[in-house]
Amino acid sequence: MAKQNLDELIEASEKAVEKGEGLDVIAAEHHGKAKEKGKTQKEKIGEKVKEKKFEPSVAKAMEGKEKASAPAEGKEAPSGKQSAALRHAAKGEGRKKLGKAKIRSKKYQDAVLQIDRNKKYELSEAIDLVKKTSYTDFDGNVEVHIRLLGESGKPEQVRGLLQYPHPTGKKINVEILDEKTIAEIGKTKKAPADIYLTTPALMPQVAKLAKILGPKGKMPNPKSSTIVEDPEAAKKEMSSGKVEYKTDSYGNIHQVIGKVSADAKILEENYQALISVLPQDKIVSITICATMGPGIKIVH
């Protein structure tokens, strides 16, 4: 069998020599590996690239990535801002900041045990509890906190002046706005007094202080009787015990009706004087307490 192959190779070689062909072609054909002809280096590289196949693991990874990036059927892909918001929400998930619990003192906790937080007390009983639950070493104030709401549920705005029948023990600093005081407040941007009085004639100048006095609730107002023709007489009245009451942005009024050491009857009369100037149908809740003591709800 080997001799037959050798004879065939010799015969093919002789024919090639006669035709002027190289013997390398005969060797390639003999081994079944015909030499490639007419293909450039670029074409060879292109064929190798086409024949190259991805490994199974890489192909699966690419397929999974395409599915994850593709939007769900019937839904639009999120915009850039939406994607950023989703990423931010994902990062922030589980990182919600918890509010710090307020820890009350032992004295406060002992005072709370003396009252029923869900009960509304009659005025006389409430004042008696205020005296018992005040745990300061000094003579604290008796405070009344009243919330007013309108028919629509929005905070009711109320403001005015009140003359208590008995001194409350709270000193009020009353000042008259004249040209000199107006200039000083405008320069320093400070308003240390509790109440400012002025005349109608000076209101155009006082209006320049609106950004300073307004946010502090000290801007003269005809409703609170702080714009008067005779500011000196008004100052004397206020210094003798006349006070201003007004609601804050939430509809709450905060007033001091006396000292903890004051007689219960005096505190009751001052309380009744405050309640009498407020719209009864707008009162939602009333709480009384000492400067340092738990709040006690009152029947109204």
C-alpha atoms as a PDB file:
ATOM      1  CA  MET A   1       0.000   0.000   0.000  1.00  0.00           C
ATOM      2  CA  ALA A   2       2.885   2.374   0.837  1.00  0.00           C
ATOM      3  CA  LYS A   3       4.631   1.429  -2.452  1.00  0.00           C
ATOM      4  CA  GLN A   4       1.508   2.314  -4.429  1.00  0.00           C
ATOM      5  CA  ASN A   5       1.352   5.728  -2.783  1.00  0.00           C
ATOM      6  CA  LEU A   6       5.024   6.347  -3.464  1.00  0.00           C
ATOM      7  CA  ASP A   7       4.592   5.417  -7.149  1.00  0.00           C
ATOM      8  CA  GLU A   8       1.650   7.816  -7.424  1.00  0.00           C
ATOM      9  CA  LEU A   9       3.695  10.590  -5.831  1.00  0.00           C
ATOM     10  CA  ILE A  10       6.634  10.059  -8.213  1.00  0.00           C
ATOM     11  CA  GLU A  11       4.322  10.031 -11.232  1.00  0.00           C
ATOM     12  CA  ALA A  12       2.653  13.264 -10.089  1.00  0.00           C
ATOM     13  CA  SER A  13       6.041  14.876  -9.507  1.00  0.00           C
ATOM     14  CA  GLU A  14       7.208  14.053 -13.026  1.00  0.00           C
ATOM     15  CA  LYS A  15       4.076  15.585 -14.526  1.00  0.00           C
ATOM     16  CA  ALA A  16       4.531  18.714 -12.430  1.00  0.00           C
ATOM     17  CA  VAL A  17       8.123  19.127 -13.554  1.00  0.00           C
ATOM     18  CA  GLU A  18       6.995  18.808 -17.179  1.00  0.00           C
ATOM     19  CA  LYS A  19       4.385  21.536 -16.628  1.00  0.00           C
ATOM     20  CA  GLY A  20       6.833  23.724 -14.713  1.00  0.00           C
ATOM     21  CA  GLU A  21       4.923  23.580 -11.418  1.00  0.00           C
ATOM     22  CA  GLY A  22       6.554  23.508  -7.969  1.00  0.00           C
ATOM     23  CA  LEU A  23       6.707  20.310  -5.968  1.00  0.00           C
ATOM     24  CA  ASP A  24       5.200  22.058  -2.867  1.00  0.00           C
ATOM     25  CA  VAL A  25       1.774  21.997  -4.523  1.00  0.00           C
ATOM     26  CA  ILE A  26       2.046  18.226  -4.960  1.00  0.00           C
ATOM     27  CA  ALA A  27       3.015  17.788  -1.293  1.00  0.00           C
ATOM     28  CA  ALA A  28       0.077  19.854  -0.097  1.00  0.00           C
ATOM     29  CA  GLU A  29      -2.413  17.926  -2.255  1.00  0.00           C
ATOM     30  CA  HIS A  30      -0.926  14.641  -1.121  1.00  0.00           C
ATOM     31  CA  HIS A  31      -1.523  15.449   2.523  1.00  0.00           C
ATOM     32  CA  GLY A  32      -5.101  16.759   1.845  1.00  0.00           C
ATOM     33  CA  LYS A  33      -4.202  20.370   2.651  1.00  0.00           C
ATOM     34  CA  ALA A  34      -4.586  22.368  -0.503  1.00  0.00           C
ATOM     35  CA  LYS A  35      -2.826  25.711  -0.358  1.00  0.00           C
ATOM     36  CA  GLU A  36      -5.123  28.701  -0.168  1.00  0.00           C
ATOM     37  CA  LYS A  37      -4.881  31.084  -3.104  1.00  0.00           C
ATOM     38  CA  GLY A  38      -6.163  34.578  -3.764  1.00  0.00           C
ATOM     39  CA  LYS A  39      -7.053  35.505  -0.115  1.00  0.00           C
ATOM     40  CA  THR A  40      -5.593  38.628   1.475  1.00  0.00           C
ATOM     41  CA  GLN A  41      -4.487  38.909   5.112  1.00  0.00           C
ATOM     42  CA  LYS A  42      -7.528  41.105   5.862  1.00  0.00           C
ATOM     43  CA  GLU A  43      -9.943  38.474   4.547  1.00  0.00           C
ATOM     44  CA  LYS A  44      -8.288  35.770   6.634  1.00  0.00           C
ATOM     45  CA  ILE A  45      -8.632  37.832   9.821  1.00  0.00           C
ATOM     46  CA  GLY A  46     -12.311  38.555   8.993  1.00  0.00           C
ATOM     47  CA  GLU A  47     -13.071  34.875   8.679  1.00  0.00           C
ATOM     48  CA  LYS A  48     -11.412  34.111  12.012  1.00  0.00           C
ATOM     49  CA  VAL A  49     -13.528  36.804  13.722  1.00  0.00           C
ATOM     50  CA  LYS A  50     -16.751  35.390  12.245  1.00  0.00           C
ATOM     51  CA  GLU A  51     -15.857  31.857  13.276  1.00  0.00           C
ATOM     52  CA  LYS A  52     -15.012  32.903  16.869  1.00  0.00           C
ATOM     53  CA  LYS A  53     -17.753  31.941  19.326  1.00  0.00           C
ATOM     54  CA  PHE A  54     -18.571  33.285  22.804  1.00  0.00           C
ATOM     55  CA  GLU A  55     -18.115  30.988  25.744  1.00  0.00           C
ATOM     56  CA  PRO A  56     -21.484  29.773  27.212  1.00  0.00           C
ATOM     57  CA  SER A  57     -21.052  31.678  30.512  1.00  0.00           C
ATOM     58  CA  VAL A  58     -20.314  34.953  28.735  1.00  0.00           C
ATOM     59  CA  ALA A  59     -23.267  34.528  26.413  1.00  0.00           C
ATOM     60  CA  LYS A  60     -25.650  33.953  29.340  1.00  0.00           C
ATOM     61  CA  ALA A  61     -24.322  37.006  31.156  1.00  0.00           C
ATOM     62  CA  MET A  62     -24.844  39.184  28.104  1.00  0.00           C
ATOM     63  CA  GLU A  63     -28.370  37.849  27.675  1.00  0.00           C
ATOM     64  CA  GLY A  64     -29.245  38.587  31.319  1.00  0.00           C
ATOM     65  CA  LYS A  65     -27.892  42.145  31.051  1.00  0.00           C
ATOM     66  CA  GLU A  66     -30.014  42.827  27.970  1.00  0.00           C
ATOM     67  CA  LYS A  67     -33.144  41.578  29.729  1.00  0.00           C
ATOM     68  CA  ALA A  68     -32.469  43.717  32.816  1.00  0.00           C
ATOM     69  CA  SER A  69     -31.899  46.871  30.788  1.00  0.00           C
ATOM     70  CA  ALA A  70     -34.967  46.320  28.584  1.00  0.00           C
ATOM     71  CA  PRO A  71     -38.190  48.037  29.877  1.00  0.00           C
ATOM     72  CA  ALA A  72     -41.155  45.889  30.849  1.00  0.00           C
ATOM     73  CA  GLU A  73     -43.724  45.237  28.133  1.00  0.00           C
ATOM     74  CA  GLY A  74     -46.249  48.089  27.957  1.00  0.00           C
ATOM     75  CA  LYS A  75     -44.113  50.393  30.117  1.00  0.00           C
ATOM     76  CA  GLU A  76     -41.844  53.209  29.078  1.00  0.00           C
ATOM     77  CA  ALA A  77     -38.223  53.233  30.184  1.00  0.00           C
ATOM     78  CA  PRO A  78     -37.609  55.703  33.045  1.00  0.00           C
ATOM     79  CA  SER A  79     -36.095  59.049  32.147  1.00  0.00           C
ATOM     80  CA  GLY A  80     -32.692  60.197  33.401  1.00  0.00           C
ATOM     81  CA  LYS A  81     -34.207  62.091  36.352  1.00  0.00           C
ATOM     82  CA  GLN A  82     -36.491  59.166  37.215  1.00  0.00           C
ATOM     83  CA  SER A  83     -33.587  56.710  37.105  1.00  0.00           C
ATOM     84  CA  ALA A  84     -31.552  58.970  39.378  1.00  0.00           C
ATOM     85  CA  ALA A  85     -34.504  59.237  41.791  1.00  0.00           C
ATOM     86  CA  LEU A  86     -34.905  55.438  41.831  1.00  0.00           C
ATOM     87  CA  ARG A  87     -31.209  54.940  42.521  1.00  0.00           C
ATOM     88  CA  HIS A  88     -31.341  57.549  45.296  1.00  0.00           C
ATOM     89  CA  ALA A  89     -34.392  55.852  46.847  1.00  0.00           C
ATOM     90  CA  ALA A  90     -32.676  52.464  46.674  1.00  0.00           C
ATOM     91  CA  LYS A  91     -29.597  53.817  48.420  1.00  0.00           C
ATOM     92  CA  GLY A  92     -31.668  55.582  51.068  1.00  0.00           C
ATOM     93  CA  GLU A  93     -33.829  52.513  51.760  1.00  0.00           C
ATOM     94  CA  GLY A  94     -33.234  51.277  55.244  1.00  0.00           C
ATOM     95  CA  ARG A  95     -31.475  54.478  56.244  1.00  0.00           C
ATOM     96  CA  LYS A  96     -34.449  56.397  57.604  1.00  0.00           C
ATOM     97  CA  LYS A  97     -33.440  58.699  60.436  1.00  0.00           C
ATOM     98  CA  LEU A  98     -35.351  57.967  63.595  1.00  0.00           C
ATOM     99  CA  GLY A  99     -36.343  60.790  65.914  1.00  0.00           C
ATOM    100  CA  LYS A 100     -34.626  60.845  69.271  1.00  0.00           C
ATOM    101  CA  ALA A 101     -37.012  60.035  72.118  1.00  0.00           C
ATOM    102  CA  LYS A 102     -37.327  62.833  74.660  1.00  0.00           C
ATOM    103  CA  ILE A 103     -36.307  61.658  78.101  1.00  0.00           C
ATOM    104  CA  ARG A 104     -38.176  63.380  80.947  1.00  0.00           C
ATOM    105  CA  SER A 105     -36.689  63.937  84.380  1.00  0.00           C
ATOM    106  CA  LYS A 106     -37.685  61.809  87.358  1.00  0.00           C
ATOM    107  CA  LYS A 107     -39.388  64.835  88.961  1.00  0.00           C
ATOM    108  CA  TYR A 108     -41.571  65.290  85.873  1.00  0.00           C
ATOM    109  CA  GLN A 109     -42.439  61.588  85.740  1.00  0.00           C
ATOM    110  CA  ASP A 110     -43.438  61.659  89.416  1.00  0.00           C
ATOM    111  CA  ALA A 111     -45.624  64.729  88.767  1.00  0.00           C
ATOM    112  CA  VAL A 112     -47.371  63.062  85.808  1.00  0.00           C
ATOM    113  CA  LEU A 113     -48.431  60.160  88.023  1.00  0.00           C
ATOM    114  CA  GLN A 114     -50.637  62.568  89.994  1.00  0.00           C
ATOM    115  CA  ILE A 115     -52.905  63.402  87.029  1.00  0.00           C
ATOM    116  CA  ASP A 116     -55.026  61.563  84.489  1.00  0.00           C
ATOM    117  CA  ARG A 117     -53.788  62.635  81.041  1.00  0.00           C
ATOM    118  CA  ASN A 118     -57.077  61.598  79.375  1.00  0.00           C
ATOM    119  CA  LYS A 119     -59.350  63.487  81.783  1.00  0.00           C
ATOM    120  CA  LYS A 120     -60.585  67.093  81.578  1.00  0.00           C
ATOM    121  CA  TYR A 121     -60.671  68.732  85.020  1.00  0.00           C
ATOM    122  CA  GLU A 122     -62.841  71.467  86.449  1.00  0.00           C
ATOM    123  CA  LEU A 123     -60.975  74.789  86.889  1.00  0.00           C
ATOM    124  CA  SER A 124     -60.658  74.651  90.701  1.00  0.00           C
ATOM    125  CA  GLU A 125     -59.368  71.080  90.654  1.00  0.00           C
ATOM    126  CA  ALA A 126     -56.954  71.867  87.812  1.00  0.00           C
ATOM    127  CA  ILE A 127     -55.440  74.847  89.665  1.00  0.00           C
ATOM    128  CA  ASP A 128     -54.997  72.697  92.747  1.00  0.00           C
ATOM    129  CA  LEU A 129     -53.136  70.090  90.660  1.00  0.00           C
ATOM    130  CA  VAL A 130     -50.940  72.779  89.094  1.00  0.00           C
ATOM    131  CA  LYS A 131     -49.733  73.762  92.561  1.00  0.00           C
ATOM    132  CA  LYS A 132     -49.080  70.126  93.497  1.00  0.00           C
ATOM    133  CA  THR A 133     -47.264  69.172  90.287  1.00  0.00           C
ATOM    134  CA  SER A 134     -44.946  72.208  90.066  1.00  0.00           C
ATOM    135  CA  TYR A 135     -41.497  70.851  90.908  1.00  0.00           C
ATOM    136  CA  THR A 136     -39.280  73.965  90.700  1.00  0.00           C
ATOM    137  CA  ASP A 137     -37.383  75.448  93.635  1.00  0.00           C
ATOM    138  CA  PHE A 138     -38.448  78.955  92.562  1.00  0.00           C
ATOM    139  CA  ASP A 139     -41.939  80.448  92.398  1.00  0.00           C
ATOM    140  CA  GLY A 140     -42.953  79.540  88.862  1.00  0.00           C
ATOM    141  CA  ASN A 141     -45.700  80.965  86.658  1.00  0.00           C
ATOM    142  CA  VAL A 142     -49.131  79.492  86.035  1.00  0.00           C
ATOM    143  CA  GLU A 143     -49.549  79.273  82.263  1.00  0.00           C
ATOM    144  CA  VAL A 144     -52.695  78.859  80.199  1.00  0.00           C
ATOM    145  CA  HIS A 145     -52.524  77.518  76.631  1.00  0.00           C
ATOM    146  CA  ILE A 146     -55.658  77.822  74.484  1.00  0.00           C
ATOM    147  CA  ARG A 147     -56.135  76.637  70.909  1.00  0.00           C
ATOM    148  CA  LEU A 148     -58.626  78.354  68.582  1.00  0.00           C
ATOM    149  CA  LEU A 149     -59.807  77.006  65.234  1.00  0.00           C
ATOM    150  CA  GLY A 150     -62.225  78.502  62.720  1.00  0.00           C
ATOM    151  CA  GLU A 151     -65.173  76.745  61.079  1.00  0.00           C
ATOM    152  CA  SER A 152     -62.988  75.623  58.174  1.00  0.00           C
ATOM    153  CA  GLY A 153     -60.521  74.015  60.583  1.00  0.00           C
ATOM    154  CA  LYS A 154     -57.887  76.679  60.003  1.00  0.00           C
ATOM    155  CA  PRO A 155     -56.211  78.503  62.942  1.00  0.00           C
ATOM    156  CA  GLU A 156     -58.298  81.420  64.195  1.00  0.00           C
ATOM    157  CA  GLN A 157     -56.447  84.729  64.415  1.00  0.00           C
ATOM    158  CA  VAL A 158     -57.267  86.760  67.532  1.00  0.00           C
ATOM    159  CA  ARG A 159     -55.452  89.746  69.026  1.00  0.00           C
ATOM    160  CA  GLY A 160     -56.169  92.360  71.677  1.00  0.00           C
ATOM    161  CA  LEU A 161     -55.339  93.949  75.041  1.00  0.00           C
ATOM    162  CA  LEU A 162     -56.524  92.628  78.377  1.00  0.00           C
ATOM    163  CA  GLN A 163     -56.508  94.109  81.854  1.00  0.00           C
ATOM    164  CA  TYR A 164     -56.365  91.304  84.429  1.00  0.00           C
ATOM    165  CA  PRO A 165     -58.197  91.956  87.713  1.00  0.00           C
ATOM    166  CA  HIS A 166     -55.079  90.936  89.665  1.00  0.00           C
ATOM    167  CA  PRO A 167     -51.329  91.345  88.959  1.00  0.00           C
ATOM    168  CA  THR A 168     -49.848  88.338  87.201  1.00  0.00           C
ATOM    169  CA  GLY A 169     -46.333  88.930  88.451  1.00  0.00           C
ATOM    170  CA  LYS A 170     -45.012  89.247  84.933  1.00  0.00           C
ATOM    171  CA  LYS A 171     -43.229  92.526  84.128  1.00  0.00           C
ATOM    172  CA  ILE A 172     -43.884  93.951  80.670  1.00  0.00           C
ATOM    173  CA  ASN A 173     -41.490  96.278  78.919  1.00  0.00           C
ATOM    174  CA  VAL A 174     -43.532  98.897  77.009  1.00  0.00           C
ATOM    175  CA  GLU A 175     -41.836 101.439  74.750  1.00  0.00           C
ATOM    176  CA  ILE A 176     -43.127 104.361  72.668  1.00  0.00           C
ATOM    177  CA  LEU A 177     -41.956 104.599  69.064  1.00  0.00           C
ATOM    178  CA  ASP A 178     -40.863 108.180  68.418  1.00  0.00           C
ATOM    179  CA  GLU A 179     -38.518 109.398  65.675  1.00  0.00           C
ATOM    180  CA  LYS A 180     -35.410 108.669  67.746  1.00  0.00           C
ATOM    181  CA  THR A 181     -36.491 105.119  68.666  1.00  0.00           C
ATOM    182  CA  ILE A 182     -37.524 104.384  65.073  1.00  0.00           C
ATOM    183  CA  ALA A 183     -34.079 105.423  63.812  1.00  0.00           C
ATOM    184  CA  GLU A 184     -32.319 103.337  66.480  1.00  0.00           C
ATOM    185  CA  ILE A 185     -34.305 100.156  65.701  1.00  0.00           C
ATOM    186  CA  GLY A 186     -33.737 100.676  61.983  1.00  0.00           C
ATOM    187  CA  LYS A 187     -29.992 100.903  62.579  1.00  0.00           C
ATOM    188  CA  THR A 188     -29.510  98.077  65.102  1.00  0.00           C
ATOM    189  CA  LYS A 189     -32.256  95.781  63.753  1.00  0.00           C
ATOM    190  CA  LYS A 190     -33.117  94.960  67.382  1.00  0.00           C
ATOM    191  CA  ALA A 191     -36.444  95.365  69.231  1.00  0.00           C
ATOM    192  CA  PRO A 192     -35.955  94.492  72.936  1.00  0.00           C
ATOM    193  CA  ALA A 193     -39.295  95.787  74.268  1.00  0.00           C
ATOM    194  CA  ASP A 194     -42.323  93.501  74.679  1.00  0.00           C
ATOM    195  CA  ILE A 195     -44.837  96.018  73.294  1.00  0.00           C
ATOM    196  CA  TYR A 196     -44.366  99.100  71.100  1.00  0.00           C
ATOM    197  CA  LEU A 197     -46.823 102.021  71.019  1.00  0.00           C
ATOM    198  CA  THR A 198     -47.064 104.813  68.482  1.00  0.00           C
ATOM    199  CA  THR A 199     -49.372 107.506  67.104  1.00  0.00           C
ATOM    200  CA  PRO A 200     -51.260 107.440  63.778  1.00  0.00           C
ATOM    201  CA  ALA A 201     -49.110 110.357  62.547  1.00  0.00           C
ATOM    202  CA  LEU A 202     -45.888 108.342  62.902  1.00  0.00           C
ATOM    203  CA  MET A 203     -47.179 105.175  61.230  1.00  0.00           C
ATOM    204  CA  PRO A 204     -45.598 106.023  57.800  1.00  0.00           C
ATOM    205  CA  GLN A 205     -42.184 106.002  59.518  1.00  0.00           C
ATOM    206  CA  VAL A 206     -43.004 102.968  61.657  1.00  0.00           C
ATOM    207  CA  ALA A 207     -43.967 101.073  58.487  1.00  0.00           C
ATOM    208  CA  LYS A 208     -40.266 101.018  57.552  1.00  0.00           C
ATOM    209  CA  LEU A 209     -39.701  98.727  60.560  1.00  0.00           C
ATOM    210  CA  ALA A 210     -42.261  96.161  59.417  1.00  0.00           C
ATOM    211  CA  LYS A 211     -39.602  93.582  58.490  1.00  0.00           C
ATOM    212  CA  ILE A 212     -38.066  93.891  61.961  1.00  0.00           C
ATOM    213  CA  LEU A 213     -41.155  94.182  64.192  1.00  0.00           C
ATOM    214  CA  GLY A 214     -43.574  92.107  62.101  1.00  0.00           C
ATOM    215  CA  PRO A 215     -41.950  88.657  62.438  1.00  0.00           C
ATOM    216  CA  LYS A 216     -41.667  89.207  66.217  1.00  0.00           C
ATOM    217  CA  GLY A 217     -45.344  90.169  66.543  1.00  0.00           C
ATOM    218  CA  LYS A 218     -44.440  93.640  67.859  1.00  0.00           C
ATOM    219  CA  MET A 219     -45.724  95.793  65.001  1.00  0.00           C
ATOM    220  CA  PRO A 220     -48.222  98.413  66.303  1.00  0.00           C
ATOM    221  CA  ASN A 221     -51.757  97.523  65.328  1.00  0.00           C
ATOM    222  CA  PRO A 222     -55.102  99.292  65.884  1.00  0.00           C
ATOM    223  CA  LYS A 223     -56.713  95.935  66.795  1.00  0.00           C
ATOM    224  CA  SER A 224     -54.381  95.575  69.773  1.00  0.00           C
ATOM    225  CA  SER A 225     -54.779  99.267  70.722  1.00  0.00           C
ATOM    226  CA  THR A 226     -51.068  99.950  70.221  1.00  0.00           C
ATOM    227  CA  ILE A 227     -51.735 102.819  67.786  1.00  0.00           C
ATOM    228  CA  VAL A 228     -53.208 105.553  69.980  1.00  0.00           C
ATOM    229  CA  GLU A 229     -53.397 109.326  70.156  1.00  0.00           C
ATOM    230  CA  ASP A 230     -52.018 109.383  73.688  1.00  0.00           C
ATOM    231  CA  PRO A 231     -49.251 106.735  73.905  1.00  0.00           C
ATOM    232  CA  GLU A 232     -48.089 107.952  77.329  1.00  0.00           C
ATOM    233  CA  ALA A 233     -51.468 107.161  78.924  1.00  0.00           C
ATOM    234  CA  ALA A 234     -51.555 103.777  77.150  1.00  0.00           C
ATOM    235  CA  LYS A 235     -48.074 102.970  78.432  1.00  0.00           C
ATOM    236  CA  LYS A 236     -49.153 103.743  82.002  1.00  0.00           C
ATOM    237  CA  GLU A 237     -52.143 101.390  81.702  1.00  0.00           C
ATOM    238  CA  MET A 238     -50.036  98.560  80.297  1.00  0.00           C
ATOM    239  CA  SER A 239     -47.349  99.009  82.904  1.00  0.00           C
ATOM    240  CA  SER A 240     -50.012  98.622  85.595  1.00  0.00           C
ATOM    241  CA  GLY A 241     -51.030  95.172  84.346  1.00  0.00           C
ATOM    242  CA  LYS A 242     -52.653  95.526  80.921  1.00  0.00           C
ATOM    243  CA  VAL A 243     -51.284  92.831  78.622  1.00  0.00           C
ATOM    244  CA  GLU A 244     -51.543  91.886  74.966  1.00  0.00           C
ATOM    245  CA  TYR A 245     -52.889  88.502  73.887  1.00  0.00           C
ATOM    246  CA  LYS A 246     -52.669  87.056  70.394  1.00  0.00           C
ATOM    247  CA  THR A 247     -52.701  83.730  68.578  1.00  0.00           C
ATOM    248  CA  ASP A 248     -49.614  82.297  66.920  1.00  0.00           C
ATOM    249  CA  SER A 249     -49.575  80.792  63.420  1.00  0.00           C
ATOM    250  CA  TYR A 250     -51.184  77.593  64.775  1.00  0.00           C
ATOM    251  CA  GLY A 251     -54.048  79.363  66.522  1.00  0.00           C
ATOM    252  CA  ASN A 252     -52.596  79.019  70.031  1.00  0.00           C
ATOM    253  CA  ILE A 253     -52.698  81.660  72.786  1.00  0.00           C
ATOM    254  CA  HIS A 254     -50.127  81.484  75.581  1.00  0.00           C
ATOM    255  CA  GLN A 255     -50.760  83.563  78.705  1.00  0.00           C
ATOM    256  CA  VAL A 256     -49.460  83.802  82.277  1.00  0.00           C
ATOM    257  CA  ILE A 257     -52.297  84.325  84.754  1.00  0.00           C
ATOM    258  CA  GLY A 258     -50.235  84.495  87.954  1.00  0.00           C
ATOM    259  CA  LYS A 259     -47.676  82.791  90.173  1.00  0.00           C
ATOM    260  CA  VAL A 260     -47.882  79.267  91.583  1.00  0.00           C
ATOM    261  CA  SER A 261     -47.828  80.772  95.078  1.00  0.00           C
ATOM    262  CA  ALA A 262     -50.827  83.027  94.309  1.00  0.00           C
ATOM    263  CA  ASP A 263     -54.178  82.389  95.958  1.00  0.00           C
ATOM    264  CA  ALA A 264     -56.375  79.965  93.988  1.00  0.00           C
ATOM    265  CA  LYS A 265     -59.210  82.535  93.862  1.00  0.00           C
ATOM    266  CA  ILE A 266     -56.912  85.140  92.240  1.00  0.00           C
ATOM    267  CA  LEU A 267     -55.812  82.616  89.603  1.00  0.00           C
ATOM    268  CA  GLU A 268     -59.425  81.656  88.887  1.00  0.00           C
ATOM    269  CA  GLU A 269     -60.492  85.285  88.389  1.00  0.00           C
ATOM    270  CA  ASN A 270     -57.584  86.022  86.063  1.00  0.00           C
ATOM    271  CA  TYR A 271     -58.395  82.874  84.108  1.00  0.00           C
ATOM    272  CA  GLN A 272     -62.050  83.883  83.708  1.00  0.00           C
ATOM    273  CA  ALA A 273     -60.983  87.365  82.525  1.00  0.00           C
ATOM    274  CA  LEU A 274     -58.892  85.764  79.757  1.00  0.00           C
ATOM    275  CA  ILE A 275     -61.605  83.354  78.629  1.00  0.00           C
ATOM    276  CA  SER A 276     -64.220  86.147  78.528  1.00  0.00           C
ATOM    277  CA  VAL A 277     -62.432  88.050  75.718  1.00  0.00           C
ATOM    278  CA  LEU A 278     -62.074  85.005  73.432  1.00  0.00           C
ATOM    279  CA  PRO A 279     -64.669  83.614  70.972  1.00  0.00           C
ATOM    280  CA  GLN A 280     -66.151  80.668  72.896  1.00  0.00           C
ATOM    281  CA  ASP A 281     -67.242  78.738  69.807  1.00  0.00           C
ATOM    282  CA  LYS A 282     -63.668  78.753  68.423  1.00  0.00           C
ATOM    283  CA  ILE A 283     -62.020  77.231  71.508  1.00  0.00           C
ATOM    284  CA  VAL A 284     -60.839  73.677  70.808  1.00  0.00           C
ATOM    285  CA  SER A 285     -58.746  72.931  73.887  1.00  0.00           C
ATOM    286  CA  ILE A 286     -57.488  74.555  77.106  1.00  0.00           C
ATOM    287  CA  THR A 287     -54.465  73.373  79.072  1.00  0.00           C
ATOM    288  CA  ILE A 288     -53.072  74.825  82.290  1.00  0.00           C
ATOM    289  CA  CYS A 289     -49.663  74.104  83.809  1.00  0.00           C
ATOM    290  CA  ALA A 290     -46.822  75.467  85.922  1.00  0.00           C
ATOM    291  CA  THR A 291     -43.603  76.762  84.368  1.00  0.00           C
ATOM    292  CA  MET A 292     -42.137  73.311  84.974  1.00  0.00           C
ATOM    293  CA  GLY A 293     -44.910  70.795  85.318  1.00  0.00           C
ATOM    294  CA  PRO A 294     -47.240  68.587  83.245  1.00  0.00           C
ATOM    295  CA  GLY A 295     -50.158  69.997  81.300  1.00  0.00           C
ATOM    296  CA  ILE A 296     -53.650  69.588  82.766  1.00  0.00           C
ATOM    297  CA  LYS A 297     -56.697  69.720  80.486  1.00  0.00           C
ATOM    298  CA  ILE A 298     -59.611  71.910  81.534  1.00  0.00           C
ATOM    299  CA  VAL A 299     -63.323  71.523  80.776  1.00  0.00           C
ATOM    300  CA  HIS A 300     -64.617  74.357  78.576  1.00  0.00           C
END
